[in-house]
Amino acid sequence: MQCTDDGECAPGYCGGGACVQPELFASGQNYPSSLALTADEVLWTNNTGGEVMRQSKAGSVPAPFVKGQQAPSELLERDGVLFWCNTEGNSIGTAKLDDPPGGVGQKALDIDSPRRLATDGVTFFIATPDLLLRAPVTGGPISDLVTDVDWYGMLSQTVGIAHHEGMVYFSEYLGGRAARVPVAGGIPDVLAPGPGMLGTIAVDKSGVYWMSVEATGTKLWVSDHAGVGATSVFQGEKVIPFSLPKVVTDDEAIYFSMDPESGGGSALRRKTKVGADVARVLASGQEVIVDIAVDATHLYWISGSSILRIALP
């Protein structure tokens, strides 16, 4: 369909004079909860199904890669190895991408109530409901990542965690703090304290990015790695109760989700890192967005029981 404006192309956008629409990548999944991308594949956890799924980006059908997990959630890939949180199995699971399909993986770590996960390849950084912990990837003792008595046990639902150049960055949903702490552990530096509740956090070579859910609306924040100059670069409408905005980045832009209170379904937006452009809607009218991921050509997301994607502008 030919177009001159994004508004003509909902639920997609107008790109190069033609409408670009979301593509159903996989459907009928059993409560998918977290995405990981490789150069050739999309992988995700099916929380209720107890599976880690994989599918070629070039087009195929989804296939169980790992089975028999206990509520697998947060999923990440590093150097050809997958790691995930078994939230009801009280463990971190792992499997190599070249393992035979249909296996049960291996247990990398026993830990109570893992919710969020990051790694530098040597150490796991793990968020439980009220603690931040660290442990060797190869196995070994679990220790506190946050050691300050004023913080210990006082974290309020960490929903985002990321590693970058010797630091672990995290965001609290209820506590409203975006902060960082050295990978060896220590006292966190607060990048920005509230207001409101925070969504996930992203960090790359350009800076740190997070979303805040406030009484008057939803904001996208950007700061340098030390938290200097934290600035709101987008303000949108209020979102539905208990909404958890997601944010990811590439070299050029910031991508984030919003679940507006006014209705009409969830939306995915793109905001360039440089310039004063508006945050462009790439996809609208979606079910509540559970997770998002981006590669060089597409933005992927989980919505309901489906995985979708849309070509980048």
Protein backbone atom coordinates (compact mmCIF):
# COMPACT_ATOMS: atom_id res chain seq x y z
CA MET A 1 0.00 0.00 0.00
CA GLN A 2 1.34 3.42 -0.98
CA CYS A 3 1.50 6.08 1.74
CA THR A 4 2.74 9.52 2.66
CA ASP A 5 2.20 9.41 6.45
CA ASP A 6 2.58 6.86 9.27
CA GLY A 7 -1.06 7.38 10.23
CA GLU A 8 -2.14 5.74 6.98
CA CYS A 9 -0.37 2.50 7.83
CA ALA A 10 -1.50 1.42 11.34
CA PRO A 11 -0.63 -0.96 12.86
CA GLY A 12 2.66 -0.35 11.02
CA TYR A 13 4.37 2.75 9.64
CA CYS A 14 5.07 4.47 6.32
CA GLY A 15 8.53 3.69 5.00
CA GLY A 16 9.82 4.91 1.64
CA GLY A 17 6.32 5.60 0.34
CA ALA A 18 4.96 2.15 1.19
CA CYS A 19 3.36 0.77 4.37
CA VAL A 20 5.57 -1.48 6.49
CA GLN A 21 3.51 -3.88 8.61
CA PRO A 22 4.25 -6.13 11.59
CA GLU A 23 4.95 -9.74 10.65
CA LEU A 24 3.72 -12.69 12.70
CA PHE A 25 6.92 -14.65 13.28
CA ALA A 26 5.63 -17.42 15.59
CA SER A 27 2.22 -18.05 17.16
CA GLY A 28 0.56 -20.42 19.61
CA GLN A 29 3.37 -20.29 22.15
CA ASN A 30 2.91 -21.21 25.79
CA TYR A 31 3.36 -17.93 27.67
CA PRO A 32 6.54 -16.71 25.94
CA SER A 33 8.45 -14.42 28.27
CA SER A 34 11.96 -13.51 27.05
CA LEU A 35 13.78 -13.11 23.71
CA ALA A 36 17.39 -13.64 22.62
CA LEU A 37 18.76 -13.04 19.13
CA THR A 38 21.74 -14.54 17.34
CA ALA A 39 22.95 -13.72 13.83
CA ASP A 40 20.62 -16.34 12.32
CA GLU A 41 18.03 -17.29 14.92
CA VAL A 42 15.42 -16.06 17.37
CA LEU A 43 15.19 -17.87 20.70
CA TRP A 44 12.68 -17.45 23.49
CA THR A 45 11.47 -19.04 26.70
CA ASN A 46 7.99 -20.52 27.02
CA ASN A 47 7.34 -19.94 30.70
CA THR A 48 4.34 -22.20 31.19
CA GLY A 49 5.53 -24.75 28.66
CA GLY A 50 8.92 -25.16 30.35
CA GLU A 51 10.79 -24.80 27.05
CA VAL A 52 13.46 -22.79 25.31
CA MET A 53 12.38 -22.40 21.69
CA ARG A 54 14.37 -21.53 18.56
CA GLN A 55 13.49 -20.51 15.02
CA SER A 56 15.50 -19.39 12.00
CA LYS A 57 15.16 -15.73 11.06
CA ALA A 58 14.99 -16.83 7.44
CA GLY A 59 11.70 -18.60 8.05
CA SER A 60 10.82 -21.97 9.53
CA VAL A 61 8.63 -23.34 12.29
CA PRO A 62 9.49 -22.93 15.97
CA ALA A 63 11.13 -25.97 17.54
CA PRO A 64 11.79 -26.86 21.18
CA PHE A 65 15.52 -26.62 21.86
CA VAL A 66 15.46 -27.30 25.61
CA LYS A 67 12.60 -29.01 27.45
CA GLY A 68 11.67 -29.84 31.02
CA GLN A 69 12.43 -26.47 32.60
CA GLN A 70 10.56 -24.94 35.54
CA ALA A 71 9.04 -21.62 34.51
CA PRO A 72 11.98 -20.43 32.38
CA SER A 73 12.01 -16.67 32.03
CA GLU A 74 14.92 -14.26 31.46
CA LEU A 75 17.00 -15.57 28.53
CA LEU A 76 20.37 -14.39 27.23
CA GLU A 77 23.01 -15.61 24.81
CA ARG A 78 26.74 -15.06 25.02
CA ASP A 79 29.44 -16.58 22.83
CA GLY A 80 27.24 -19.44 21.64
CA VAL A 81 25.91 -20.35 25.09
CA LEU A 82 22.39 -19.77 26.41
CA PHE A 83 21.53 -18.97 30.02
CA TRP A 84 18.07 -18.58 31.55
CA CYS A 85 16.32 -18.17 34.89
CA ASN A 86 14.19 -21.07 36.11
CA THR A 87 11.97 -18.96 38.34
CA GLU A 88 10.14 -21.91 39.91
CA GLY A 89 13.09 -24.28 39.67
CA ASN A 90 15.30 -21.95 41.74
CA SER A 91 18.18 -22.27 39.30
CA ILE A 92 20.02 -20.85 36.30
CA GLY A 93 19.90 -23.20 33.31
CA THR A 94 22.33 -23.36 30.41
CA ALA A 95 22.84 -25.01 27.03
CA LYS A 96 25.22 -24.56 24.11
CA LEU A 97 23.66 -23.55 20.81
CA ASP A 98 25.27 -26.54 19.11
CA ASP A 99 23.78 -29.02 21.61
CA PRO A 100 21.31 -31.53 20.13
CA PRO A 101 17.72 -30.22 20.16
CA GLY A 102 15.17 -31.52 22.64
CA GLY A 103 17.51 -31.99 25.59
CA VAL A 104 17.06 -30.74 29.14
CA GLY A 105 20.14 -28.52 29.30
CA GLN A 106 22.29 -28.28 32.38
CA LYS A 107 22.02 -26.56 35.72
CA ALA A 108 24.58 -23.79 35.97
CA LEU A 109 23.64 -22.56 39.43
CA ASP A 110 21.21 -23.21 42.30
CA ILE A 111 19.70 -19.95 43.49
CA ASP A 112 16.38 -18.98 45.07
CA SER A 113 13.88 -17.01 42.98
CA PRO A 114 16.04 -15.74 40.11
CA ARG A 115 14.17 -13.07 38.14
CA ARG A 116 16.69 -11.12 36.01
CA LEU A 117 20.07 -12.11 34.66
CA ALA A 118 23.16 -10.58 33.06
CA THR A 119 26.73 -11.80 32.56
CA ASP A 120 30.15 -10.61 31.44
CA GLY A 121 31.05 -14.16 30.42
CA VAL A 122 32.85 -14.84 33.69
CA THR A 123 30.29 -13.90 36.34
CA PHE A 124 26.52 -14.10 36.62
CA PHE A 125 24.72 -11.01 37.91
CA ILE A 126 21.34 -12.06 39.25
CA ALA A 127 18.33 -10.16 40.54
CA THR A 128 15.96 -11.83 42.98
CA PRO A 129 12.89 -9.99 44.33
CA ASP A 130 14.95 -8.03 46.89
CA LEU A 131 18.64 -8.85 46.34
CA LEU A 132 21.36 -8.46 43.71
CA LEU A 133 23.82 -11.35 43.68
CA ARG A 134 26.90 -12.54 41.78
CA ALA A 135 28.33 -16.00 41.11
CA PRO A 136 30.93 -17.54 38.78
CA VAL A 137 29.54 -18.83 35.49
CA THR A 138 31.58 -22.00 35.95
CA GLY A 139 30.07 -22.65 39.37
CA GLY A 140 31.06 -21.53 42.83
CA PRO A 141 29.83 -19.52 45.79
CA ILE A 142 27.11 -16.90 45.50
CA SER A 143 27.98 -13.52 46.96
CA ASP A 144 26.31 -10.16 47.33
CA LEU A 145 26.66 -7.70 44.46
CA VAL A 146 25.25 -4.91 46.62
CA THR A 147 27.12 -4.80 49.92
CA ASP A 148 25.91 -1.57 51.52
CA VAL A 149 23.73 -2.13 54.58
CA ASP A 150 21.33 0.64 53.52
CA TRP A 151 20.64 -1.23 50.29
CA TYR A 152 20.86 -4.85 51.42
CA GLY A 153 17.46 -6.52 51.26
CA MET A 154 15.87 -3.17 50.39
CA LEU A 155 15.81 -3.47 46.62
CA SER A 156 12.25 -3.25 45.43
CA GLN A 157 11.62 -5.56 42.48
CA THR A 158 14.60 -5.16 40.17
CA VAL A 159 13.17 -5.43 36.64
CA GLY A 160 16.19 -4.53 34.56
CA ILE A 161 19.83 -5.56 34.78
CA ALA A 162 22.67 -5.09 32.29
CA HIS A 163 26.48 -5.29 32.19
CA HIS A 164 28.81 -2.79 30.54
CA GLU A 165 32.57 -2.26 30.97
CA GLY A 166 33.02 -3.36 34.56
CA MET A 167 29.69 -2.09 35.85
CA VAL A 168 26.28 -3.66 36.44
CA TYR A 169 23.33 -1.35 35.81
CA PHE A 170 19.90 -2.03 37.26
CA SER A 171 16.43 -0.52 37.57
CA GLU A 172 13.81 -0.99 40.28
CA TYR A 173 10.13 -1.20 39.40
CA LEU A 174 8.75 -0.17 42.80
CA GLY A 175 11.85 1.51 44.23
CA GLY A 176 12.12 3.89 41.29
CA ARG A 177 15.92 3.95 41.21
CA ALA A 178 18.25 3.50 38.25
CA ALA A 179 21.73 2.68 39.58
CA ARG A 180 25.05 0.99 38.89
CA VAL A 181 27.48 -1.08 40.97
CA PRO A 182 30.96 -2.49 40.19
CA VAL A 183 31.04 -6.09 38.96
CA ALA A 184 33.13 -7.03 42.00
CA GLY A 185 30.37 -5.75 44.28
CA GLY A 186 30.04 -2.64 46.37
CA ILE A 187 27.84 0.36 47.07
CA PRO A 188 25.57 1.40 44.18
CA ASP A 189 25.73 4.82 42.58
CA VAL A 190 22.23 6.11 41.89
CA LEU A 191 21.93 7.45 38.35
CA ALA A 192 18.47 8.86 38.96
CA PRO A 193 16.09 8.39 41.91
CA GLY A 194 12.51 8.31 40.66
CA PRO A 195 10.01 9.72 40.50
CA GLY A 196 7.66 6.91 39.71
CA MET A 197 8.24 3.25 38.91
CA LEU A 198 10.85 2.14 36.41
CA GLY A 199 10.80 -0.27 33.51
CA THR A 200 13.77 -2.17 32.14
CA ILE A 201 17.20 -0.62 31.59
CA ALA A 202 19.55 -0.71 28.60
CA VAL A 203 23.20 0.30 28.36
CA ASP A 204 25.57 0.58 25.40
CA LYS A 205 28.69 2.53 24.43
CA SER A 206 26.64 5.73 24.11
CA GLY A 207 24.94 5.77 27.48
CA VAL A 208 22.21 4.39 29.76
CA TYR A 209 18.48 4.32 28.98
CA TRP A 210 15.38 3.59 31.04
CA MET A 211 11.65 4.30 31.28
CA SER A 212 9.76 5.78 34.23
CA VAL A 213 6.04 5.35 34.90
CA GLU A 214 4.83 8.51 36.65
CA ALA A 215 1.50 9.95 37.77
CA THR A 216 1.37 12.32 34.81
CA GLY A 217 2.74 10.05 32.09
CA THR A 218 5.61 7.88 30.94
CA LYS A 219 9.13 9.19 30.28
CA LEU A 220 12.19 7.90 28.45
CA TRP A 221 15.45 8.85 30.19
CA VAL A 222 19.03 9.02 28.91
CA SER A 223 22.24 9.58 30.87
CA ASP A 224 25.95 9.03 30.50
CA HIS A 225 27.44 5.97 32.20
CA ALA A 226 28.05 7.82 35.45
CA GLY A 227 24.53 9.20 35.61
CA VAL A 228 25.60 12.75 34.83
CA GLY A 229 23.05 14.76 32.91
CA ALA A 230 20.12 12.35 33.19
CA THR A 231 17.55 13.84 30.81
CA SER A 232 14.03 12.95 29.75
CA VAL A 233 13.99 12.80 25.94
CA PHE A 234 10.36 11.69 25.53
CA GLN A 235 7.17 12.04 27.52
CA GLY A 236 4.08 10.01 26.64
CA GLU A 237 0.69 9.35 28.12
CA LYS A 238 -0.15 7.36 31.23
CA VAL A 239 0.04 3.59 30.93
CA ILE A 240 -2.11 0.81 32.32
CA PRO A 241 -1.59 -0.24 35.98
CA PHE A 242 1.43 -2.49 36.56
CA SER A 243 2.70 -1.80 33.04
CA LEU A 244 6.41 -2.55 32.61
CA PRO A 245 7.92 -0.54 29.73
CA LYS A 246 10.77 -2.27 27.87
CA VAL A 247 13.74 -0.53 26.25
CA VAL A 248 16.54 -1.72 23.90
CA THR A 249 19.03 0.13 21.70
CA ASP A 250 21.17 -0.15 18.60
CA ASP A 251 23.88 2.22 17.38
CA GLU A 252 21.39 4.77 16.04
CA ALA A 253 18.22 4.60 18.09
CA ILE A 254 16.30 3.70 21.22
CA TYR A 255 13.30 1.37 20.96
CA PHE A 256 10.69 1.15 23.71
CA SER A 257 7.23 -0.17 24.47
CA MET A 258 4.21 1.57 25.99
CA ASP A 259 0.84 0.18 27.12
CA PRO A 260 -1.35 3.32 27.09
CA GLU A 261 -4.16 3.72 29.60
CA SER A 262 -6.34 5.34 26.94
CA GLY A 263 -6.68 2.04 25.06
CA GLY A 264 -6.00 1.13 21.47
CA GLY A 265 -3.40 -1.47 22.31
CA SER A 266 0.30 -1.35 23.09
CA ALA A 267 2.79 0.50 20.89
CA LEU A 268 6.45 0.21 20.00
CA ARG A 269 8.35 3.43 19.34
CA ARG A 270 11.73 4.43 17.92
CA LYS A 271 13.64 7.53 19.06
CA THR A 272 16.95 8.43 17.42
CA LYS A 273 19.83 9.08 19.82
CA VAL A 274 20.83 12.28 18.06
CA GLY A 275 18.38 15.01 17.17
CA ALA A 276 15.06 16.26 18.41
CA ASP A 277 12.78 13.95 16.44
CA VAL A 278 9.56 12.64 17.93
CA ALA A 279 9.47 9.04 19.08
CA ARG A 280 8.05 7.41 15.98
CA VAL A 281 5.47 4.64 16.35
CA LEU A 282 6.65 1.54 14.47
CA ALA A 283 3.85 -0.78 15.58
CA SER A 284 0.54 -0.11 17.34
CA GLY A 285 -2.58 -1.98 18.44
CA GLN A 286 -0.60 -4.82 20.04
CA GLU A 287 -1.40 -6.93 23.07
CA VAL A 288 0.66 -6.03 26.14
CA ILE A 289 4.35 -6.18 25.21
CA VAL A 290 6.26 -8.75 27.29
CA ASP A 291 9.77 -8.35 25.83
CA ILE A 292 11.56 -6.68 22.91
CA ALA A 293 14.84 -7.22 21.05
CA VAL A 294 16.51 -5.59 18.05
CA ASP A 295 19.05 -6.64 15.41
CA ALA A 296 20.42 -4.92 12.32
CA THR A 297 17.21 -5.30 10.30
CA HIS A 298 14.20 -5.92 12.57
CA LEU A 299 12.57 -5.14 15.88
CA TYR A 300 11.14 -8.27 17.56
CA TRP A 301 8.64 -8.47 20.39
CA ILE A 302 6.50 -10.86 22.44
CA SER A 303 2.80 -10.06 22.54
CA GLY A 304 0.33 -12.52 24.03
CA SER A 305 1.18 -15.99 22.75
CA SER A 306 3.03 -14.71 19.68
CA ILE A 307 6.42 -13.47 18.51
CA LEU A 308 6.25 -10.61 16.01
CA ARG A 309 8.71 -8.46 14.13
CA ILE A 310 8.82 -5.42 11.89
CA ALA A 311 11.51 -4.19 9.48
CA LEU A 312 13.44 -1.16 10.74
CA PRO A 313 13.16 2.20 8.98
